Each structure stands twice: as C-alpha cells, then as structure tokens.
Amino acid sequence: MSQRIRVALVFGGRSTEHAISCVTAGSVLAAIDRDKYDVVPVGIATDGRWVLETDEPARFGFGADGSLPSVDPTREEIARDLSGFDVVFPLLHGPWGEDGTIQGLLEMSDVRYVGSGVLASAMCMDKAFMKLVLEDADLPVMPGDVVTAREWATDASATADRIAALGFPLFAKPARGGSSIGIAKAHDAGELGAAIEGALAHDPKVLVEVSAEGAREVECGVLETLDGGVATTYPAEIRISGDHEFYDFAAKYDAEQHTELDVPAKLPDEVIEQIRSLSARAFTAMDCEGLARVDFFYLPDGSLVVNELNTMPGFTPLSMFPQMWAHSGVEYADLVDRLIQLALARDTGLR
C-alpha cells in the first residue's frame, strides 16, 4: 500500500463560531477516508493555543443537553508550523481562520490547503468589502451602509440618522461574523441603536442593510473542478418556522429544528438557472477557490440579490452545503476527498 497523504484538520479557533467549527470537524473526522489519508486533528483553543486534539468524532457533536463542543486547551500543545503536512484542511469559521489569517500563515510556509486564498477569504469574510466587489461585477445586492465603533462612539445620533435614511426595517450584523451571531432586526428608529450596539459587541465594524421583506432564502453550492472550471448545485431553500423572524443562530443549530429545508428548492426552472449562473459569477468575481456557498434572497417581485458568500460553509450534519452536493450526486465523503484533491493539485506561491 502506498504511503497515505498526511492531512491536518484545523478547527476550533478564537471566533464566536468556535463550537460550530468543532462540530464541522467532528463530521469530517467521521467521513474522511482513513485508507487514503493520515489525519491529524489540530485544535485551536479559544485562548489561541494550538493543541493535538483527540481523533474521536463523537466528542465534537452537539450534546444531548444542548451543550456545545470546544477544543480542550489542556491537551498537548503543538507548534504552529504545519509544513510537515501534505495538505491542510482549515475547518475554521469566522475571524482568525476563515478570514485569510490562517491562509496567510500557510502561504508563508508553502503548505497546500483547502479553500480560497488570502484575499478572497478576507473579502468574503468582510461583508462590506464583499458587497463592493459584487456591485463592481454588476451582481445585485441589498442597499446598506457601514457603522464603525469609532463613529458610533463619536456621534451615535448623527450616525443613526444617516443609517435610518436607508428606510426600515433594517438588519444590523457584524461585518466579519457568521452563523447569524450578533445579528438583529430593527423595525424602527427606536430599535436601531440596540441593534447596532449588539452587532458592535461582536465586531467594531457593522454592516446595516435594508431588510429583504417577504424574500425567500435560497442557497447554492459552488465547487471548483480539477480542470479549473466551476460547478454548482441545484439551489436549496430554507424556511423558518416557530417564533423566529429570521434565520438566526437558534434556528440554524437548535436540536428542536426551527427550519425546513427544501433540497432542491421549489422554484421555476428559469430562476434555478439564474441562481446557478449568478453563483458561478459571484465565485469568480470574489476570486474564490475550492468551494463556497452563495446565499440569495428571492424577492417577491421575482428578482434575486446576493446576500453573501461563505468560503468555508458549515459541514455539520445540519449544514446545507453537503446536503446540496449530495442531491447533486456528490456524497459527503466524496466531497471531502474532492476538496483535498483540489488543494493538492494547486501550486504553492503566487497563482
């Protein structure tokens, strides 16, 4: 038997999405082909410590009592040099991982890795810059504006007046967050301040956008091909149930399940084709590599807007990205294998 390819799965991290990253890692650990890959789980604790984690997928699932998993900071600490691996699979969500930081570290070490490079990762993580690039590429987005902690501290009243001019209702979200953490809806001026301050608690840069009222939330998976092309899934739709006004953290991850998923989405054929085309265009415009999930709002007037791109979408059992690819004929284990093979085929250095 030939020597197995050495793969480091890096997960956890310092962001508020630490637990979701751990769940993603547990799913990948359970699915990856051990005959083909020599897998080493590298956990980043919430305090930034890098440790050699246990290779036990079940430890990283959601607890029966609703508890969230985390990296154990008391385990054996390891160096932050991953140059001894053939490829790194960074399963980090949010800042200090999905935002180009670990990608830069790996670039400097000449290590191949799964997913987008430094710039694409950083731009897609910062939703304000992402919107600028998408608009420049003539891709449709919702109107919005940015609020910084500095300007809010300097003159909150004037800043609120400027933002209110967008028209209500509005959503305030951490510009570089994920998993719907820190997002709030302001129905009127009286709720705007609390919504902005709630988002500022997670990020000193906040994106405020006009609410896509009455829209259907639709997602599409994108995967690079070995020949340099771009493949897309059939889109899927998320429908919120219960008391959730939007797709918040609890709706995404609570065991009670407050969402219904249509895979594929029940949409007219021409809308499906438009979503797939826009997804490929957005992937290319943002200079993404490997994989991405493109999220859309399908508005009541029949138009589409790009909400955001995720360069490391969730791989949890509840996540849409693997479900969409499974419907398109790529099962979970095959998806993991394809992503690693894409990374191995990529040159190190500038590209």
Protein backbone atom coordinates (compact mmCIF):
# COMPACT_ATOMS: atom_id res chain seq x y z
CA MET A 1 0.00 0.00 0.00
CA SER A 2 1.34 3.42 -0.91
CA GLN A 3 2.06 5.99 1.77
CA ARG A 4 -1.02 7.85 2.90
CA ILE A 5 -1.40 11.58 2.31
CA ARG A 6 -0.85 13.47 5.57
CA VAL A 7 -3.73 15.84 6.31
CA ALA A 8 -4.08 18.32 9.18
CA LEU A 9 -7.66 19.20 10.09
CA VAL A 10 -7.51 22.58 11.82
CA PHE A 11 -10.59 23.62 13.78
CA GLY A 12 -11.91 25.50 16.79
CA GLY A 13 -10.37 28.96 16.76
CA ARG A 14 -10.87 32.20 18.63
CA SER A 15 -14.05 33.40 16.94
CA THR A 16 -17.59 33.19 18.28
CA GLU A 17 -18.12 30.30 15.85
CA HIS A 18 -15.68 28.07 17.75
CA ALA A 19 -18.32 25.46 18.60
CA ILE A 20 -19.67 25.26 15.04
CA SER A 21 -16.13 24.71 13.77
CA CYS A 22 -15.74 21.82 16.23
CA VAL A 23 -18.98 20.22 15.02
CA THR A 24 -17.80 20.58 11.44
CA ALA A 25 -14.52 18.90 12.38
CA GLY A 26 -16.33 16.00 14.01
CA SER A 27 -18.31 15.40 10.84
CA VAL A 28 -15.20 15.49 8.62
CA LEU A 29 -13.25 13.22 11.00
CA ALA A 30 -16.04 10.66 10.77
CA ALA A 31 -16.20 10.76 6.97
CA ILE A 32 -12.63 11.10 5.71
CA ASP A 33 -11.07 8.05 4.03
CA ARG A 34 -8.54 6.68 6.53
CA ASP A 35 -7.07 4.25 3.98
CA LYS A 36 -6.11 7.21 1.81
CA TYR A 37 -5.37 9.92 4.38
CA ASP A 38 -3.29 10.04 7.55
CA VAL A 39 -5.39 12.50 9.56
CA VAL A 40 -4.14 14.69 12.41
CA PRO A 41 -6.73 16.79 14.30
CA VAL A 42 -5.25 20.18 15.23
CA GLY A 43 -7.43 22.15 17.61
CA ILE A 44 -7.13 25.88 18.27
CA ALA A 45 -8.49 26.69 21.72
CA THR A 46 -10.47 29.85 22.42
CA ASP A 47 -7.36 31.34 24.05
CA GLY A 48 -5.39 30.81 20.81
CA ARG A 49 -3.42 27.78 21.99
CA TRP A 50 -2.77 25.10 19.33
CA VAL A 51 -3.16 21.53 20.61
CA LEU A 52 -3.14 17.98 19.31
CA GLU A 53 -6.80 17.05 19.68
CA THR A 54 -8.39 13.64 20.06
CA ASP A 55 -9.36 11.75 16.93
CA GLU A 56 -12.83 10.97 18.28
CA PRO A 57 -15.57 12.41 16.05
CA ALA A 58 -18.32 11.85 18.62
CA ARG A 59 -16.65 14.23 21.08
CA PHE A 60 -17.31 17.15 18.77
CA GLY A 61 -21.05 16.77 18.34
CA PHE A 62 -23.81 18.77 19.97
CA GLY A 63 -24.54 17.46 23.46
CA ALA A 64 -27.90 15.85 24.22
CA ASP A 65 -28.49 18.69 26.70
CA GLY A 66 -27.80 21.30 24.04
CA SER A 67 -24.19 21.85 25.16
CA LEU A 68 -21.65 22.96 22.58
CA PRO A 69 -18.28 21.26 21.95
CA SER A 70 -14.93 23.01 22.27
CA VAL A 71 -11.22 22.35 21.88
CA ASP A 72 -9.60 21.11 25.09
CA PRO A 73 -6.84 23.64 25.95
CA THR A 74 -5.19 21.21 28.38
CA ARG A 75 -4.16 18.78 25.66
CA GLU A 76 -0.61 18.58 24.30
CA GLU A 77 0.39 21.93 22.84
CA ILE A 78 1.96 21.85 19.38
CA ALA A 79 3.92 24.26 17.21
CA ARG A 80 2.05 26.43 14.74
CA ASP A 81 4.20 25.11 11.92
CA LEU A 82 2.19 22.83 9.62
CA SER A 83 4.89 22.48 6.97
CA GLY A 84 5.19 18.75 7.70
CA PHE A 85 1.77 18.07 6.19
CA ASP A 86 0.91 17.39 2.57
CA VAL A 87 -2.26 19.45 2.87
CA VAL A 88 -4.19 21.38 5.50
CA PHE A 89 -7.98 21.40 5.73
CA PRO A 90 -8.86 24.57 7.68
CA LEU A 91 -12.32 24.00 9.14
CA LEU A 92 -12.38 27.35 10.89
CA HIS A 93 -15.40 29.63 10.74
CA GLY A 94 -15.28 33.38 11.31
CA PRO A 95 -12.37 35.71 12.13
CA TRP A 96 -8.89 34.29 12.80
CA GLY A 97 -9.43 31.45 10.39
CA GLU A 98 -11.93 31.91 7.58
CA ASP A 99 -10.78 35.49 7.01
CA GLY A 100 -7.41 34.90 5.36
CA THR A 101 -5.31 34.81 8.53
CA ILE A 102 -4.52 31.10 8.62
CA GLN A 103 -4.37 31.11 4.83
CA GLY A 104 -1.56 33.68 5.06
CA LEU A 105 0.29 31.54 7.59
CA LEU A 106 0.04 28.53 5.29
CA GLU A 107 1.09 30.55 2.25
CA MET A 108 4.26 31.66 4.05
CA SER A 109 5.01 28.02 4.89
CA ASP A 110 4.43 26.79 1.30
CA VAL A 111 1.70 24.43 2.51
CA ARG A 112 -1.21 23.48 0.29
CA TYR A 113 -4.65 23.97 1.84
CA VAL A 114 -8.32 23.56 1.10
CA GLY A 115 -10.32 26.60 0.05
CA SER A 116 -9.85 30.18 -1.03
CA GLY A 117 -6.66 32.20 -0.74
CA VAL A 118 -5.85 35.15 1.50
CA LEU A 119 -7.59 37.95 -0.39
CA ALA A 120 -10.76 36.06 -1.33
CA SER A 121 -11.10 34.73 2.21
CA ALA A 122 -10.66 38.21 3.69
CA MET A 123 -13.08 39.89 1.27
CA CYS A 124 -15.81 37.29 1.69
CA MET A 125 -15.47 37.47 5.48
CA ASP A 126 -15.83 41.26 5.44
CA LYS A 127 -19.36 41.62 4.10
CA ALA A 128 -18.93 45.35 3.46
CA PHE A 129 -15.99 44.80 1.09
CA MET A 130 -17.72 41.79 -0.39
CA LYS A 131 -20.67 43.99 -1.40
CA LEU A 132 -18.33 46.49 -3.08
CA VAL A 133 -16.74 43.78 -5.22
CA LEU A 134 -20.08 42.20 -6.11
CA GLU A 135 -21.54 45.57 -7.09
CA ASP A 136 -18.50 46.31 -9.25
CA ALA A 137 -19.13 43.00 -11.02
CA ASP A 138 -22.75 44.06 -11.68
CA LEU A 139 -24.14 41.49 -9.27
CA PRO A 140 -27.27 42.51 -7.34
CA VAL A 141 -27.04 43.20 -3.57
CA MET A 142 -29.28 44.82 -0.95
CA PRO A 143 -28.72 48.52 -0.13
CA GLY A 144 -26.68 49.09 3.02
CA ASP A 145 -24.17 51.18 4.93
CA VAL A 146 -21.33 50.65 7.40
CA VAL A 147 -21.11 51.78 11.03
CA THR A 148 -17.78 51.70 12.87
CA ALA A 149 -17.28 51.65 16.62
CA ARG A 150 -15.33 54.91 16.37
CA GLU A 151 -18.05 56.88 14.63
CA TRP A 152 -20.74 55.38 16.88
CA ALA A 153 -18.77 56.46 19.97
CA THR A 154 -18.15 59.92 18.47
CA ASP A 155 -21.72 60.76 17.41
CA ALA A 156 -24.24 57.94 17.69
CA SER A 157 -27.18 60.25 17.00
CA ALA A 158 -25.88 61.54 13.67
CA THR A 159 -24.80 58.04 12.65
CA ALA A 160 -28.23 56.64 13.48
CA ASP A 161 -29.91 59.39 11.45
CA ARG A 162 -27.71 58.56 8.45
CA ILE A 163 -28.49 54.85 8.71
CA ALA A 164 -32.22 55.44 9.26
CA ALA A 165 -32.34 57.16 5.86
CA LEU A 166 -32.00 53.70 4.31
CA GLY A 167 -35.57 53.01 5.44
CA PHE A 168 -36.94 50.45 7.88
CA PRO A 169 -36.88 47.60 8.66
CA LEU A 170 -33.10 47.16 8.76
CA PHE A 171 -30.70 44.40 9.77
CA ALA A 172 -27.52 45.16 11.71
CA LYS A 173 -24.85 42.49 11.55
CA PRO A 174 -21.17 42.14 12.47
CA ALA A 175 -19.35 42.82 9.20
CA ARG A 176 -16.98 39.92 9.78
CA GLY A 177 -19.19 37.48 11.64
CA GLY A 178 -21.06 34.32 10.79
CA SER A 179 -23.65 31.77 11.95
CA SER A 180 -26.04 34.72 12.45
CA ILE A 181 -24.32 35.61 15.73
CA GLY A 182 -24.85 39.25 16.71
CA ILE A 183 -27.49 39.95 14.05
CA ALA A 184 -30.60 41.91 15.00
CA LYS A 185 -33.55 43.37 13.12
CA ALA A 186 -34.57 46.98 13.74
CA HIS A 187 -38.19 47.58 12.80
CA ASP A 188 -37.99 51.31 13.53
CA ALA A 189 -35.66 54.05 14.77
CA GLY A 190 -36.36 53.08 18.37
CA GLU A 191 -34.77 49.66 17.85
CA LEU A 192 -31.86 50.78 15.67
CA GLY A 193 -29.45 51.79 18.43
CA ALA A 194 -29.74 48.49 20.30
CA ALA A 195 -29.34 46.53 17.06
CA ILE A 196 -26.15 48.39 16.13
CA GLU A 197 -24.72 48.11 19.63
CA GLY A 198 -25.50 44.39 19.72
CA ALA A 199 -23.55 43.89 16.50
CA LEU A 200 -20.70 46.13 17.72
CA ALA A 201 -20.32 43.80 20.70
CA HIS A 202 -19.02 41.20 18.23
CA ASP A 203 -17.20 43.39 15.69
CA PRO A 204 -16.08 47.05 15.66
CA LYS A 205 -17.39 47.21 12.09
CA VAL A 206 -21.10 46.72 11.47
CA LEU A 207 -22.97 46.34 8.21
CA VAL A 208 -26.55 47.64 8.21
CA GLU A 209 -28.75 46.52 5.33
CA VAL A 210 -32.29 47.05 4.18
CA SER A 211 -34.39 44.03 5.11
CA ALA A 212 -35.43 41.85 2.19
CA GLU A 213 -39.04 41.75 3.33
CA GLY A 214 -41.04 38.77 2.13
CA ALA A 215 -38.00 37.21 0.48
CA ARG A 216 -37.30 33.50 0.26
CA GLU A 217 -33.82 32.47 1.44
CA VAL A 218 -32.07 30.34 -1.14
CA GLU A 219 -28.54 28.90 -1.20
CA CYS A 220 -26.34 27.38 -3.87
CA GLY A 221 -23.15 25.36 -3.51
CA VAL A 222 -20.13 26.03 -5.68
CA LEU A 223 -17.19 23.71 -6.21
CA GLU A 224 -14.09 24.26 -8.31
CA THR A 225 -13.24 21.47 -10.74
CA LEU A 226 -9.81 19.97 -11.36
CA ASP A 227 -9.75 21.45 -14.87
CA GLY A 228 -10.24 24.98 -13.50
CA GLY A 229 -13.96 25.19 -14.11
CA VAL A 230 -16.80 25.90 -11.69
CA ALA A 231 -19.63 23.52 -10.81
CA THR A 232 -22.82 24.47 -8.98
CA THR A 233 -25.54 22.57 -7.14
CA TYR A 234 -29.24 22.85 -7.55
CA PRO A 235 -30.27 25.57 -5.10
CA ALA A 236 -31.95 24.78 -1.80
CA GLU A 237 -34.40 26.83 0.25
CA ILE A 238 -34.55 27.46 3.99
CA ARG A 239 -37.97 28.05 5.51
CA ILE A 240 -38.18 29.35 9.07
CA SER A 241 -40.81 28.08 11.48
CA GLY A 242 -41.85 28.89 15.04
CA ASP A 243 -41.07 32.24 16.62
CA HIS A 244 -38.00 33.00 14.52
CA GLU A 245 -38.43 36.09 12.36
CA PHE A 246 -35.20 35.35 10.51
CA TYR A 247 -32.56 32.63 10.15
CA ASP A 248 -30.79 33.24 13.47
CA PHE A 249 -28.33 31.04 15.38
CA ALA A 250 -31.03 29.09 17.21
CA ALA A 251 -32.95 28.42 14.01
CA LYS A 252 -29.76 27.06 12.44
CA TYR A 253 -28.46 24.85 15.21
CA ASP A 254 -31.07 24.11 17.89
CA ALA A 255 -31.86 20.44 18.19
CA GLU A 256 -35.60 21.24 18.11
CA GLN A 257 -35.21 22.29 14.47
CA HIS A 258 -36.92 25.53 13.62
CA THR A 259 -36.24 25.25 9.90
CA GLU A 260 -37.46 23.23 6.99
CA LEU A 261 -35.09 22.59 4.11
CA ASP A 262 -36.17 22.06 0.55
CA VAL A 263 -33.36 20.35 -1.33
CA PRO A 264 -33.80 21.23 -4.12
CA ALA A 265 -35.78 24.45 -3.82
CA LYS A 266 -39.22 24.53 -5.39
CA LEU A 267 -38.53 27.28 -7.90
CA PRO A 268 -39.22 27.86 -11.59
CA ASP A 269 -36.59 26.37 -13.86
CA GLU A 270 -35.51 29.78 -15.14
CA VAL A 271 -34.94 31.03 -11.57
CA ILE A 272 -32.89 27.94 -10.74
CA GLU A 273 -30.68 28.52 -13.75
CA GLN A 274 -30.30 32.20 -12.85
CA ILE A 275 -29.24 31.31 -9.30
CA ARG A 276 -26.65 28.84 -10.57
CA SER A 277 -25.31 31.35 -13.07
CA LEU A 278 -25.12 34.16 -10.50
CA SER A 279 -23.38 31.79 -8.06
CA ALA A 280 -20.67 30.95 -10.55
CA ARG A 281 -20.25 34.63 -11.41
CA ALA A 282 -20.01 35.62 -7.73
CA PHE A 283 -17.46 32.85 -7.05
CA THR A 284 -15.32 34.12 -9.92
CA ALA A 285 -15.77 37.82 -9.06
CA MET A 286 -14.57 37.22 -5.50
CA ASP A 287 -11.60 35.15 -6.79
CA CYS A 288 -12.70 32.16 -4.72
CA GLU A 289 -11.05 28.74 -4.90
CA GLY A 290 -12.08 25.26 -3.86
CA LEU A 291 -15.56 25.81 -2.51
CA ALA A 292 -18.13 28.39 -1.49
CA ARG A 293 -21.77 28.66 -0.61
CA VAL A 294 -23.63 31.58 -2.17
CA ASP A 295 -26.71 32.84 -0.31
CA PHE A 296 -29.53 34.67 -2.07
CA PHE A 297 -32.77 36.47 -1.37
CA TYR A 298 -35.50 35.68 -3.87
CA LEU A 299 -37.65 38.79 -3.61
CA PRO A 300 -41.46 38.89 -4.01
CA ASP A 301 -41.09 40.75 -7.33
CA GLY A 302 -39.16 37.79 -8.75
CA SER A 303 -35.72 39.39 -8.60
CA LEU A 304 -32.64 37.91 -6.92
CA VAL A 305 -29.98 39.55 -4.77
CA VAL A 306 -26.75 38.02 -3.46
CA ASN A 307 -26.75 38.10 0.33
CA GLU A 308 -23.24 36.73 0.94
CA LEU A 309 -20.59 34.15 0.07
CA ASN A 310 -19.14 31.73 2.60
CA THR A 311 -15.69 30.43 1.70
CA MET A 312 -15.83 27.75 4.42
CA PRO A 313 -19.51 26.84 4.72
CA GLY A 314 -20.59 24.59 7.55
CA PHE A 315 -20.08 20.86 7.25
CA THR A 316 -22.25 19.95 10.23
CA PRO A 317 -24.95 17.29 9.80
CA LEU A 318 -27.47 20.14 9.52
CA SER A 319 -25.49 22.18 7.01
CA MET A 320 -26.87 22.98 3.59
CA PHE A 321 -23.63 22.78 1.61
CA PRO A 322 -23.12 18.99 1.91
CA GLN A 323 -26.85 18.37 1.55
CA MET A 324 -26.97 20.30 -1.71
CA TRP A 325 -23.97 18.42 -3.09
CA ALA A 326 -25.45 15.08 -2.03
CA HIS A 327 -28.57 15.91 -4.04
CA SER A 328 -26.30 16.81 -6.96
CA GLY A 329 -24.61 13.40 -6.75
CA VAL A 330 -21.56 14.10 -4.56
CA GLU A 331 -21.85 12.35 -1.20
CA TYR A 332 -20.23 13.70 1.96
CA ALA A 333 -17.08 11.54 1.94
CA ASP A 334 -16.58 12.15 -1.79
CA LEU A 335 -16.97 15.89 -1.23
CA VAL A 336 -14.25 15.86 1.44
CA ASP A 337 -11.99 13.85 -0.86
CA ARG A 338 -12.59 16.17 -3.82
CA LEU A 339 -11.72 19.26 -1.78
CA ILE A 340 -8.46 17.73 -0.62
CA GLN A 341 -7.57 16.66 -4.15
CA LEU A 342 -8.26 20.20 -5.41
CA ALA A 343 -5.88 21.56 -2.77
CA LEU A 344 -3.17 19.04 -3.65
CA ALA A 345 -3.41 19.98 -7.33
CA ARG A 346 -2.84 23.67 -6.58
CA ASP A 347 0.63 25.18 -6.76
CA THR A 348 2.09 26.98 -3.78
CA GLY A 349 3.21 30.57 -4.18
CA LEU A 350 1.52 33.21 -6.32
CA ARG A 351 -1.20 31.95 -8.64
